[in-house]
PDB file of N, CA and C in Angstrom:
ATOM      1  N   UNK A   1      64.573 113.836  24.100  1.00  0.00           N
ATOM      2  CA  UNK A   1      64.815 112.417  23.934  1.00  0.00           C
ATOM      3  C   UNK A   1      63.535 111.636  24.205  1.00  0.00           C
ATOM      4  N   UNK A   2      62.791 112.076  25.239  1.00  0.00           N
ATOM      5  CA  UNK A   2      61.541 111.399  25.576  1.00  0.00           C
ATOM      6  C   UNK A   2      60.588 111.439  24.382  1.00  0.00           C
ATOM      7  N   UNK A   3      60.483 112.580  23.723  1.00  0.00           N
ATOM      8  CA  UNK A   3      59.591 112.714  22.580  1.00  0.00           C
ATOM      9  C   UNK A   3      60.048 111.849  21.405  1.00  0.00           C
ATOM     10  N   UNK A   4      61.349 111.751  21.214  1.00  0.00           N
ATOM     11  CA  UNK A   4      61.871 110.907  20.138  1.00  0.00           C
ATOM     12  C   UNK A   4      61.529 109.442  20.394  1.00  0.00           C
ATOM     13  N   UNK A   5      61.658 108.993  21.639  1.00  0.00           N
ATOM     14  CA  UNK A   5      61.318 107.615  21.974  1.00  0.00           C
ATOM     15  C   UNK A   5      59.819 107.355  21.812  1.00  0.00           C
ATOM     16  N   UNK A   6      59.013 108.346  22.164  1.00  0.00           N
ATOM     17  CA  UNK A   6      57.560 108.202  22.014  1.00  0.00           C
ATOM     18  C   UNK A   6      57.182 108.115  20.540  1.00  0.00           C
ATOM     19  N   UNK A   7      57.774 108.981  19.707  1.00  0.00           N
ATOM     20  CA  UNK A   7      57.504 108.930  18.261  1.00  0.00           C
ATOM     21  C   UNK A   7      57.902 107.583  17.671  1.00  0.00           C
ATOM     22  N   UNK A   8      59.051 107.068  18.113  1.00  0.00           N
ATOM     23  CA  UNK A   8      59.509 105.765  17.636  1.00  0.00           C
ATOM     24  C   UNK A   8      58.534 104.663  18.046  1.00  0.00           C
ATOM     25  N   UNK A   9      58.072 104.711  19.281  1.00  0.00           N
ATOM     26  CA  UNK A   9      57.128 103.701  19.768  1.00  0.00           C
ATOM     27  C   UNK A   9      55.806 103.787  19.013  1.00  0.00           C
ATOM     28  N   UNK A  10      55.360 104.993  18.715  1.00  0.00           N
ATOM     29  CA  UNK A  10      54.112 105.148  17.966  1.00  0.00           C
ATOM     30  C   UNK A  10      54.246 104.587  16.554  1.00  0.00           C
ATOM     31  N   UNK A  11      55.377 104.850  15.915  1.00  0.00           N
ATOM     32  CA  UNK A  11      55.559 104.332  14.556  1.00  0.00           C
ATOM     33  C   UNK A  11      55.681 102.805  14.571  1.00  0.00           C
ATOM     34  N   UNK A  12      56.318 102.273  15.598  1.00  0.00           N
ATOM     35  CA  UNK A  12      56.433 100.814  15.715  1.00  0.00           C
ATOM     36  C   UNK A  12      55.064 100.194  15.967  1.00  0.00           C
ATOM     37  N   UNK A  13      54.234 100.878  16.745  1.00  0.00           N
ATOM     38  CA  UNK A  13      52.894 100.365  17.025  1.00  0.00           C
ATOM     39  C   UNK A  13      52.014 100.434  15.783  1.00  0.00           C
ATOM     40  N   UNK A  14      52.290 101.405  14.919  1.00  0.00           N
ATOM     41  CA  UNK A  14      51.491 101.555  13.706  1.00  0.00           C
ATOM     42  C   UNK A  14      51.826 100.483  12.674  1.00  0.00           C
ATOM     43  N   UNK A  15      53.070  99.989  12.689  1.00  0.00           N
ATOM     44  CA  UNK A  15      53.450  98.940  11.744  1.00  0.00           C
ATOM     45  C   UNK A  15      52.901  97.595  12.222  1.00  0.00           C
ATOM     46  N   UNK A  16      52.958  96.633  11.364  1.00  0.00           N
ATOM     47  CA  UNK A  16      52.422  95.307  11.683  1.00  0.00           C
ATOM     48  C   UNK A  16      53.164  94.707  12.877  1.00  0.00           C
ATOM     49  N   UNK A  17      52.420  94.201  13.830  1.00  0.00           N
ATOM     50  CA  UNK A  17      53.020  93.616  15.037  1.00  0.00           C
ATOM     51  C   UNK A  17      53.608  92.246  14.733  1.00  0.00           C
ATOM     52  N   UNK A  18      54.636  91.906  15.503  1.00  0.00           N
ATOM     53  CA  UNK A  18      55.203  90.574  15.411  1.00  0.00           C
ATOM     54  C   UNK A  18      55.999  90.305  14.155  1.00  0.00           C
ATOM     55  N   UNK A  19      56.665  91.324  13.615  1.00  0.00           N
ATOM     56  CA  UNK A  19      57.419  91.120  12.382  1.00  0.00           C
ATOM     57  C   UNK A  19      58.861  90.693  12.658  1.00  0.00           C
ATOM     58  N   UNK A  20      59.067  89.967  13.750  1.00  0.00           N
ATOM     59  CA  UNK A  20      60.386  89.421  14.039  1.00  0.00           C
ATOM     60  C   UNK A  20      61.317  90.341  14.791  1.00  0.00           C
ATOM     61  N   UNK A  21      60.838  91.470  15.248  1.00  0.00           N
ATOM     62  CA  UNK A  21      61.700  92.382  15.982  1.00  0.00           C
ATOM     63  C   UNK A  21      61.889  91.877  17.407  1.00  0.00           C
ATOM     64  N   UNK A  22      63.056  92.135  17.939  1.00  0.00           N
ATOM     65  CA  UNK A  22      63.367  91.757  19.307  1.00  0.00           C
ATOM     66  C   UNK A  22      63.117  92.944  20.233  1.00  0.00           C
ATOM     67  N   UNK A  23      62.556  92.703  21.414  1.00  0.00           N
ATOM     68  CA  UNK A  23      62.356  93.800  22.354  1.00  0.00           C
ATOM     69  C   UNK A  23      63.702  94.373  22.803  1.00  0.00           C
ATOM     70  N   UNK A  24      63.747  95.685  22.922  1.00  0.00           N
ATOM     71  CA  UNK A  24      64.952  96.374  23.363  1.00  0.00           C
ATOM     72  C   UNK A  24      64.631  97.073  24.674  1.00  0.00           C
ATOM     73  N   UNK A  25      65.262  96.658  25.786  1.00  0.00           N
ATOM     74  CA  UNK A  25      64.955  97.316  27.049  1.00  0.00           C
ATOM     75  C   UNK A  25      65.399  98.775  27.029  1.00  0.00           C
ATOM     76  N   UNK A  26      64.616  99.613  27.669  1.00  0.00           N
ATOM     77  CA  UNK A  26      64.930 101.029  27.737  1.00  0.00           C
ATOM     78  C   UNK A  26      66.259 101.241  28.455  1.00  0.00           C
ATOM     79  N   UNK A  27      66.458 100.541  29.545  1.00  0.00           N
ATOM     80  CA  UNK A  27      67.659 100.690  30.369  1.00  0.00           C
ATOM     81  C   UNK A  27      67.827  99.400  31.144  1.00  0.00           C
ATOM     82  N   UNK A  28      69.061  99.046  31.476  1.00  0.00           N
ATOM     83  CA  UNK A  28      69.271  97.780  32.184  1.00  0.00           C
ATOM     84  C   UNK A  28      68.604  97.779  33.555  1.00  0.00           C
ATOM     85  N   UNK A  29      68.344  98.944  34.141  1.00  0.00           N
ATOM     86  CA  UNK A  29      67.652  99.006  35.422  1.00  0.00           C
ATOM     87  C   UNK A  29      66.133  99.006  35.255  1.00  0.00           C
ATOM     88  N   UNK A  30      65.660  99.107  34.017  1.00  0.00           N
ATOM     89  CA  UNK A  30      64.221  99.082  33.736  1.00  0.00           C
ATOM     90  C   UNK A  30      63.951  98.111  32.584  1.00  0.00           C
ATOM     91  N   UNK A  31      64.292  96.817  32.757  1.00  0.00           N
ATOM     92  CA  UNK A  31      64.148  95.864  31.654  1.00  0.00           C
ATOM     93  C   UNK A  31      62.698  95.585  31.271  1.00  0.00           C
ATOM     94  N   UNK A  32      61.760  95.973  32.094  1.00  0.00           N
ATOM     95  CA  UNK A  32      60.354  95.718  31.838  1.00  0.00           C
ATOM     96  C   UNK A  32      59.734  96.753  30.907  1.00  0.00           C
ATOM     97  N   UNK A  33      60.526  97.714  30.422  1.00  0.00           N
ATOM     98  CA  UNK A  33      60.023  98.696  29.457  1.00  0.00           C
ATOM     99  C   UNK A  33      60.727  98.477  28.129  1.00  0.00           C
ATOM    100  N   UNK A  34      59.962  98.109  27.117  1.00  0.00           N
ATOM    101  CA  UNK A  34      60.483  97.915  25.766  1.00  0.00           C
ATOM    102  C   UNK A  34      60.535  99.278  25.082  1.00  0.00           C
ATOM    103  N   UNK A  35      61.733  99.740  24.744  1.00  0.00           N
ATOM    104  CA  UNK A  35      61.911 101.070  24.168  1.00  0.00           C
ATOM    105  C   UNK A  35      61.243 101.219  22.811  1.00  0.00           C
ATOM    106  N   UNK A  36      60.986 100.121  22.125  1.00  0.00           N
ATOM    107  CA  UNK A  36      60.407 100.205  20.783  1.00  0.00           C
ATOM    108  C   UNK A  36      58.956  99.740  20.740  1.00  0.00           C
ATOM    109  N   UNK A  37      58.371  99.473  21.874  1.00  0.00           N
ATOM    110  CA  UNK A  37      57.021  98.927  21.858  1.00  0.00           C
ATOM    111  C   UNK A  37      55.996  99.822  22.521  1.00  0.00           C
ATOM    112  N   UNK A  38      54.803  99.310  22.653  1.00  0.00           N
ATOM    113  CA  UNK A  38      53.720 100.091  23.259  1.00  0.00           C
ATOM    114  C   UNK A  38      53.969 100.411  24.730  1.00  0.00           C
ATOM    115  N   UNK A  39      54.859  99.671  25.388  1.00  0.00           N
ATOM    116  CA  UNK A  39      55.178  99.971  26.781  1.00  0.00           C
ATOM    117  C   UNK A  39      55.777 101.362  26.923  1.00  0.00           C
ATOM    118  N   UNK A  40      56.429 101.843  25.870  1.00  0.00           N
ATOM    119  CA  UNK A  40      57.018 103.189  25.913  1.00  0.00           C
ATOM    120  C   UNK A  40      55.927 104.251  25.993  1.00  0.00           C
ATOM    121  N   UNK A  41      54.812 104.022  25.307  1.00  0.00           N
ATOM    122  CA  UNK A  41      53.689 104.960  25.377  1.00  0.00           C
ATOM    123  C   UNK A  41      53.081 104.947  26.778  1.00  0.00           C
ATOM    124  N   UNK A  42      52.965 103.755  27.361  1.00  0.00           N
ATOM    125  CA  UNK A  42      52.460 103.654  28.727  1.00  0.00           C
ATOM    126  C   UNK A  42      53.410 104.330  29.706  1.00  0.00           C
ATOM    127  N   UNK A  43      54.712 104.164  29.484  1.00  0.00           N
ATOM    128  CA  UNK A  43      55.703 104.805  30.338  1.00  0.00           C
ATOM    129  C   UNK A  43      55.585 106.324  30.240  1.00  0.00           C
ATOM    130  N   UNK A  44      55.371 106.842  29.043  1.00  0.00           N
ATOM    131  CA  UNK A  44      55.218 108.290  28.874  1.00  0.00           C
ATOM    132  C   UNK A  44      54.030 108.797  29.683  1.00  0.00           C
ATOM    133  N   UNK A  45      52.916 108.092  29.610  1.00  0.00           N
ATOM    134  CA  UNK A  45      51.731 108.492  30.389  1.00  0.00           C
ATOM    135  C   UNK A  45      52.018 108.431  31.888  1.00  0.00           C
ATOM    136  N   UNK A  46      52.716 107.375  32.308  1.00  0.00           N
ATOM    137  CA  UNK A  46      53.031 107.225  33.729  1.00  0.00           C
ATOM    138  C   UNK A  46      53.994 108.308  34.199  1.00  0.00           C
ATOM    139  N   UNK A  47      54.979 108.668  33.379  1.00  0.00           N
ATOM    140  CA  UNK A  47      55.908 109.743  33.752  1.00  0.00           C
ATOM    141  C   UNK A  47      55.163 111.070  33.840  1.00  0.00           C
ATOM    142  N   UNK A  48      54.227 111.304  32.935  1.00  0.00           N
ATOM    143  CA  UNK A  48      53.421 112.522  32.997  1.00  0.00           C
ATOM    144  C   UNK A  48      52.605 112.572  34.284  1.00  0.00           C
ATOM    145  N   UNK A  49      52.065 111.423  34.675  1.00  0.00           N
ATOM    146  CA  UNK A  49      51.315 111.348  35.935  1.00  0.00           C
ATOM    147  C   UNK A  49      52.246 111.578  37.125  1.00  0.00           C
ATOM    148  N   UNK A  50      53.432 110.963  37.078  1.00  0.00           N
ATOM    149  CA  UNK A  50      54.413 111.167  38.142  1.00  0.00           C
ATOM    150  C   UNK A  50      54.810 112.638  38.236  1.00  0.00           C
ATOM    151  N   UNK A  51      54.894 113.294  37.086  1.00  0.00           N
ATOM    152  CA  UNK A  51      55.266 114.708  37.060  1.00  0.00           C
ATOM    153  C   UNK A  51      54.262 115.571  37.817  1.00  0.00           C
ATOM    154  N   UNK A  52      52.993 115.196  37.780  1.00  0.00           N
ATOM    155  CA  UNK A  52      52.001 115.952  38.542  1.00  0.00           C
ATOM    156  C   UNK A  52      52.142 115.691  40.044  1.00  0.00           C
ATOM    157  N   UNK A  53      52.598 114.490  40.407  1.00  0.00           N
ATOM    158  CA  UNK A  53      52.773 114.141  41.814  1.00  0.00           C
ATOM    159  C   UNK A  53      54.095 114.656  42.380  1.00  0.00           C
ATOM    160  N   UNK A  54      55.172 114.471  41.634  1.00  0.00           N
ATOM    161  CA  UNK A  54      56.504 114.887  42.086  1.00  0.00           C
ATOM    162  C   UNK A  54      57.364 115.221  40.871  1.00  0.00           C
ATOM    163  N   UNK A  55      57.388 116.495  40.474  1.00  0.00           N
ATOM    164  CA  UNK A  55      58.146 116.894  39.277  1.00  0.00           C
ATOM    165  C   UNK A  55      59.637 116.541  39.350  1.00  0.00           C
ATOM    166  N   UNK A  56      60.220 116.607  40.543  1.00  0.00           N
ATOM    167  CA  UNK A  56      61.652 116.304  40.672  1.00  0.00           C
ATOM    168  C   UNK A  56      61.937 114.835  40.364  1.00  0.00           C
ATOM    169  N   UNK A  57      61.098 113.939  40.850  1.00  0.00           N
ATOM    170  CA  UNK A  57      61.295 112.516  40.562  1.00  0.00           C
ATOM    171  C   UNK A  57      61.129 112.243  39.070  1.00  0.00           C
ATOM    172  N   UNK A  58      60.153 112.878  38.452  1.00  0.00           N
ATOM    173  CA  UNK A  58      59.959 112.699  37.009  1.00  0.00           C
ATOM    174  C   UNK A  58      61.184 113.183  36.246  1.00  0.00           C
ATOM    175  N   UNK A  59      61.741 114.317  36.645  1.00  0.00           N
ATOM    176  CA  UNK A  59      62.943 114.850  36.006  1.00  0.00           C
ATOM    177  C   UNK A  59      64.112 113.891  36.170  1.00  0.00           C
ATOM    178  N   UNK A  60      64.237 113.318  37.373  1.00  0.00           N
ATOM    179  CA  UNK A  60      65.326 112.368  37.626  1.00  0.00           C
ATOM    180  C   UNK A  60      65.195 111.133  36.742  1.00  0.00           C
ATOM    181  N   UNK A  61      63.985 110.618  36.587  1.00  0.00           N
ATOM    182  CA  UNK A  61      63.764 109.456  35.712  1.00  0.00           C
ATOM    183  C   UNK A  61      64.149 109.811  34.279  1.00  0.00           C
ATOM    184  N   UNK A  62      63.744 110.979  33.822  1.00  0.00           N
ATOM    185  CA  UNK A  62      64.085 111.399  32.460  1.00  0.00           C
ATOM    186  C   UNK A  62      65.599 111.512  32.276  1.00  0.00           C
ATOM    187  N   UNK A  63      66.262 112.139  33.239  1.00  0.00           N
ATOM    188  CA  UNK A  63      67.713 112.315  33.124  1.00  0.00           C
ATOM    189  C   UNK A  63      68.451 110.978  33.184  1.00  0.00           C
ATOM    190  N   UNK A  64      68.070 110.132  34.141  1.00  0.00           N
ATOM    191  CA  UNK A  64      68.790 108.872  34.331  1.00  0.00           C
ATOM    192  C   UNK A  64      68.529 107.857  33.226  1.00  0.00           C
ATOM    193  N   UNK A  65      67.257 107.664  32.856  1.00  0.00           N
ATOM    194  CA  UNK A  65      66.916 106.546  31.984  1.00  0.00           C
ATOM    195  C   UNK A  65      66.622 106.939  30.545  1.00  0.00           C
ATOM    196  N   UNK A  66      66.214 108.155  30.317  1.00  0.00           N
ATOM    197  CA  UNK A  66      65.948 108.569  28.942  1.00  0.00           C
ATOM    198  C   UNK A  66      67.138 109.284  28.323  1.00  0.00           C
ATOM    199  N   UNK A  67      67.858 110.053  29.125  1.00  0.00           N
ATOM    200  CA  UNK A  67      69.034 110.756  28.603  1.00  0.00           C
ATOM    201  C   UNK A  67      70.341 110.058  28.944  1.00  0.00           C
ATOM    202  N   UNK A  68      70.304 109.088  29.867  1.00  0.00           N
ATOM    203  CA  UNK A  68      71.491 108.310  30.184  1.00  0.00           C
ATOM    204  C   UNK A  68      72.486 108.991  31.103  1.00  0.00           C
ATOM    205  N   UNK A  69      72.046 109.974  31.871  1.00  0.00           N
ATOM    206  CA  UNK A  69      72.944 110.646  32.815  1.00  0.00           C
ATOM    207  C   UNK A  69      73.276 109.715  33.978  1.00  0.00           C
ATOM    208  N   UNK A  70      74.458 109.879  34.517  1.00  0.00           N
ATOM    209  CA  UNK A  70      74.846 109.108  35.700  1.00  0.00           C
ATOM    210  C   UNK A  70      74.185 109.731  36.929  1.00  0.00           C
ATOM    211  N   UNK A  71      74.311 109.057  38.059  1.00  0.00           N
ATOM    212  CA  UNK A  71      73.771 109.586  39.306  1.00  0.00           C
ATOM    213  C   UNK A  71      74.437 110.927  39.623  1.00  0.00           C
ATOM    214  N   UNK A  72      75.746 110.982  39.437  1.00  0.00           N
ATOM    215  CA  UNK A  72      76.483 112.201  39.738  1.00  0.00           C
ATOM    216  C   UNK A  72      76.056 113.357  38.833  1.00  0.00           C
ATOM    217  N   UNK A  73      75.888 113.073  37.548  1.00  0.00           N
ATOM    218  CA  UNK A  73      75.457 114.109  36.602  1.00  0.00           C
ATOM    219  C   UNK A  73      74.048 114.599  36.934  1.00  0.00           C
ATOM    220  N   UNK A  74      73.172 113.661  37.265  1.00  0.00           N
ATOM    221  CA  UNK A  74      71.802 114.022  37.629  1.00  0.00           C
ATOM    222  C   UNK A  74      71.793 114.888  38.880  1.00  0.00           C
ATOM    223  N   UNK A  75      72.576 114.493  39.874  1.00  0.00           N
ATOM    224  CA  UNK A  75      72.657 115.271  41.117  1.00  0.00           C
ATOM    225  C   UNK A  75      73.170 116.682  40.846  1.00  0.00           C
ATOM    226  N   UNK A  76      74.172 116.790  40.000  1.00  0.00           N
ATOM    227  CA  UNK A  76      74.736 118.101  39.686  1.00  0.00           C
ATOM    228  C   UNK A  76      73.725 118.971  38.931  1.00  0.00           C
ATOM    229  N   UNK A  77      73.039 118.386  37.955  1.00  0.00           N
ATOM    230  CA  UNK A  77      72.060 119.146  37.172  1.00  0.00           C
ATOM    231  C   UNK A  77      70.890 119.643  38.009  1.00  0.00           C
ATOM    232  N   UNK A  78      70.487 118.838  38.996  1.00  0.00           N
ATOM    233  CA  UNK A  78      69.339 119.206  39.822  1.00  0.00           C
ATOM    234  C   UNK A  78      69.734 119.843  41.152  1.00  0.00           C
ATOM    235  N   UNK A  79      71.026 119.993  41.380  1.00  0.00           N
ATOM    236  CA  UNK A  79      71.556 120.602  42.609  1.00  0.00           C
ATOM    237  C   UNK A  79      71.071 119.882  43.869  1.00  0.00           C
ATOM    238  N   UNK A  80      71.189 118.553  43.839  1.00  0.00           N
ATOM    239  CA  UNK A  80      70.858 117.725  44.998  1.00  0.00           C
ATOM    240  C   UNK A  80      72.006 116.748  45.223  1.00  0.00           C
ATOM    241  N   UNK A  81      71.945 116.019  46.317  1.00  0.00           N
ATOM    242  CA  UNK A  81      73.004 115.054  46.607  1.00  0.00           C
ATOM    243  C   UNK A  81      72.782 113.760  45.824  1.00  0.00           C
ATOM    244  N   UNK A  82      73.863 113.011  45.664  1.00  0.00           N
ATOM    245  CA  UNK A  82      73.783 111.714  44.972  1.00  0.00           C
ATOM    246  C   UNK A  82      72.872 110.747  45.717  1.00  0.00           C
ATOM    247  N   UNK A  83      72.913 110.792  47.051  1.00  0.00           N
ATOM    248  CA  UNK A  83      72.040 109.896  47.824  1.00  0.00           C
ATOM    249  C   UNK A  83      70.571 110.254  47.624  1.00  0.00           C
ATOM    250  N   UNK A  84      70.266 111.534  47.446  1.00  0.00           N
ATOM    251  CA  UNK A  84      68.881 111.933  47.159  1.00  0.00           C
ATOM    252  C   UNK A  84      68.438 111.399  45.806  1.00  0.00           C
ATOM    253  N   UNK A  85      69.329 111.462  44.834  1.00  0.00           N
ATOM    254  CA  UNK A  85      69.011 110.936  43.508  1.00  0.00           C
ATOM    255  C   UNK A  85      68.762 109.435  43.599  1.00  0.00           C
ATOM    256  N   UNK A  86      69.656 108.714  44.266  1.00  0.00           N
ATOM    257  CA  UNK A  86      69.485 107.258  44.416  1.00  0.00           C
ATOM    258  C   UNK A  86      68.152 106.919  45.065  1.00  0.00           C
ATOM    259  N   UNK A  87      67.856 107.587  46.169  1.00  0.00           N
ATOM    260  CA  UNK A  87      66.641 107.301  46.919  1.00  0.00           C
ATOM    261  C   UNK A  87      65.387 107.620  46.100  1.00  0.00           C
ATOM    262  N   UNK A  88      65.365 108.806  45.492  1.00  0.00           N
ATOM    263  CA  UNK A  88      64.172 109.228  44.758  1.00  0.00           C
ATOM    264  C   UNK A  88      63.980 108.436  43.464  1.00  0.00           C
ATOM    265  N   UNK A  89      65.062 108.057  42.822  1.00  0.00           N
ATOM    266  CA  UNK A  89      64.947 107.246  41.609  1.00  0.00           C
ATOM    267  C   UNK A  89      64.442 105.852  41.955  1.00  0.00           C
ATOM    268  N   UNK A  90      64.907 105.305  43.062  1.00  0.00           N
ATOM    269  CA  UNK A  90      64.415 103.991  43.506  1.00  0.00           C
ATOM    270  C   UNK A  90      62.905 104.049  43.764  1.00  0.00           C
ATOM    271  N   UNK A  91      62.465 105.097  44.445  1.00  0.00           N
ATOM    272  CA  UNK A  91      61.030 105.265  44.718  1.00  0.00           C
ATOM    273  C   UNK A  91      60.245 105.453  43.422  1.00  0.00           C
ATOM    274  N   UNK A  92      60.769 106.270  42.527  1.00  0.00           N
ATOM    275  CA  UNK A  92      60.085 106.536  41.257  1.00  0.00           C
ATOM    276  C   UNK A  92      60.015 105.273  40.400  1.00  0.00           C
ATOM    277  N   UNK A  93      61.094 104.503  40.351  1.00  0.00           N
ATOM    278  CA  UNK A  93      61.087 103.249  39.582  1.00  0.00           C
ATOM    279  C   UNK A  93      60.049 102.285  40.139  1.00  0.00           C
ATOM    280  N   UNK A  94      59.974 102.178  41.457  1.00  0.00           N
ATOM    281  CA  UNK A  94      58.990 101.294  42.084  1.00  0.00           C
ATOM    282  C   UNK A  94      57.575 101.778  41.772  1.00  0.00           C
ATOM    283  N   UNK A  95      57.349 103.086  41.839  1.00  0.00           N
ATOM    284  CA  UNK A  95      56.031 103.640  41.538  1.00  0.00           C
ATOM    285  C   UNK A  95      55.674 103.381  40.077  1.00  0.00           C
ATOM    286  N   UNK A  96      56.625 103.620  39.168  1.00  0.00           N
ATOM    287  CA  UNK A  96      56.373 103.395  37.748  1.00  0.00           C
ATOM    288  C   UNK A  96      56.080 101.922  37.462  1.00  0.00           C
ATOM    289  N   UNK A  97      56.866 101.038  38.052  1.00  0.00           N
ATOM    290  CA  UNK A  97      56.643  99.602  37.853  1.00  0.00           C
ATOM    291  C   UNK A  97      55.242  99.225  38.310  1.00  0.00           C
ATOM    292  N   UNK A  98      54.878  99.693  39.506  1.00  0.00           N
ATOM    293  CA  UNK A  98      53.561  99.394  40.043  1.00  0.00           C
ATOM    294  C   UNK A  98      52.468  99.980  39.151  1.00  0.00           C
ATOM    295  N   UNK A  99      52.662 101.188  38.716  1.00  0.00           N
ATOM    296  CA  UNK A  99      51.667 101.876  37.887  1.00  0.00           C
ATOM    297  C   UNK A  99      51.488 101.163  36.538  1.00  0.00           C
ATOM    298  N   UNK A 100      52.587 100.721  35.950  1.00  0.00           N
ATOM    299  CA  UNK A 100      52.517 100.072  34.643  1.00  0.00           C
ATOM    300  C   UNK A 100      51.990  98.644  34.712  1.00  0.00           C
ATOM    301  N   UNK A 101      52.224  97.965  35.818  1.00  0.00           N
ATOM    302  CA  UNK A 101      51.796  96.574  35.928  1.00  0.00           C
ATOM    303  C   UNK A 101      50.445  96.396  36.611  1.00  0.00           C
ATOM    304  N   UNK A 102      49.963  97.418  37.293  1.00  0.00           N
ATOM    305  CA  UNK A 102      48.655  97.333  37.952  1.00  0.00           C
ATOM    306  C   UNK A 102      47.549  97.905  37.090  1.00  0.00           C
ATOM    307  N   UNK A 103      47.911  98.675  36.045  1.00  0.00           N
ATOM    308  CA  UNK A 103      46.875  99.290  35.227  1.00  0.00           C
ATOM    309  C   UNK A 103      46.313  98.267  34.236  1.00  0.00           C
ATOM    310  N   UNK A 104      45.021  98.412  33.890  1.00  0.00           N
ATOM    311  CA  UNK A 104      44.411  97.450  32.965  1.00  0.00           C
ATOM    312  C   UNK A 104      44.937  97.593  31.554  1.00  0.00           C
TER     313      UNK A 104
END
């Protein structure tokens, strides 16, 4: 799913900008990422960087926000508790937000 979103963002970036399209948030908990815009490419780079720092948090972000899994489904897939998923996703979202908004 991540690759499909990246391909879509690349094709949207290749077409003429500002052709009347409305931004589509990736997820209601991550409204600052436009699923169809260049922010998706930046998010992909940031998730790759997060993966080198903490692979489990990167996996949780992918499951929760790119694949649409619930907290319970994510916890079951990764064999961790729901509270661990909540805590680590909150930390990962904060790190991603900071990484995407602090970079030039």
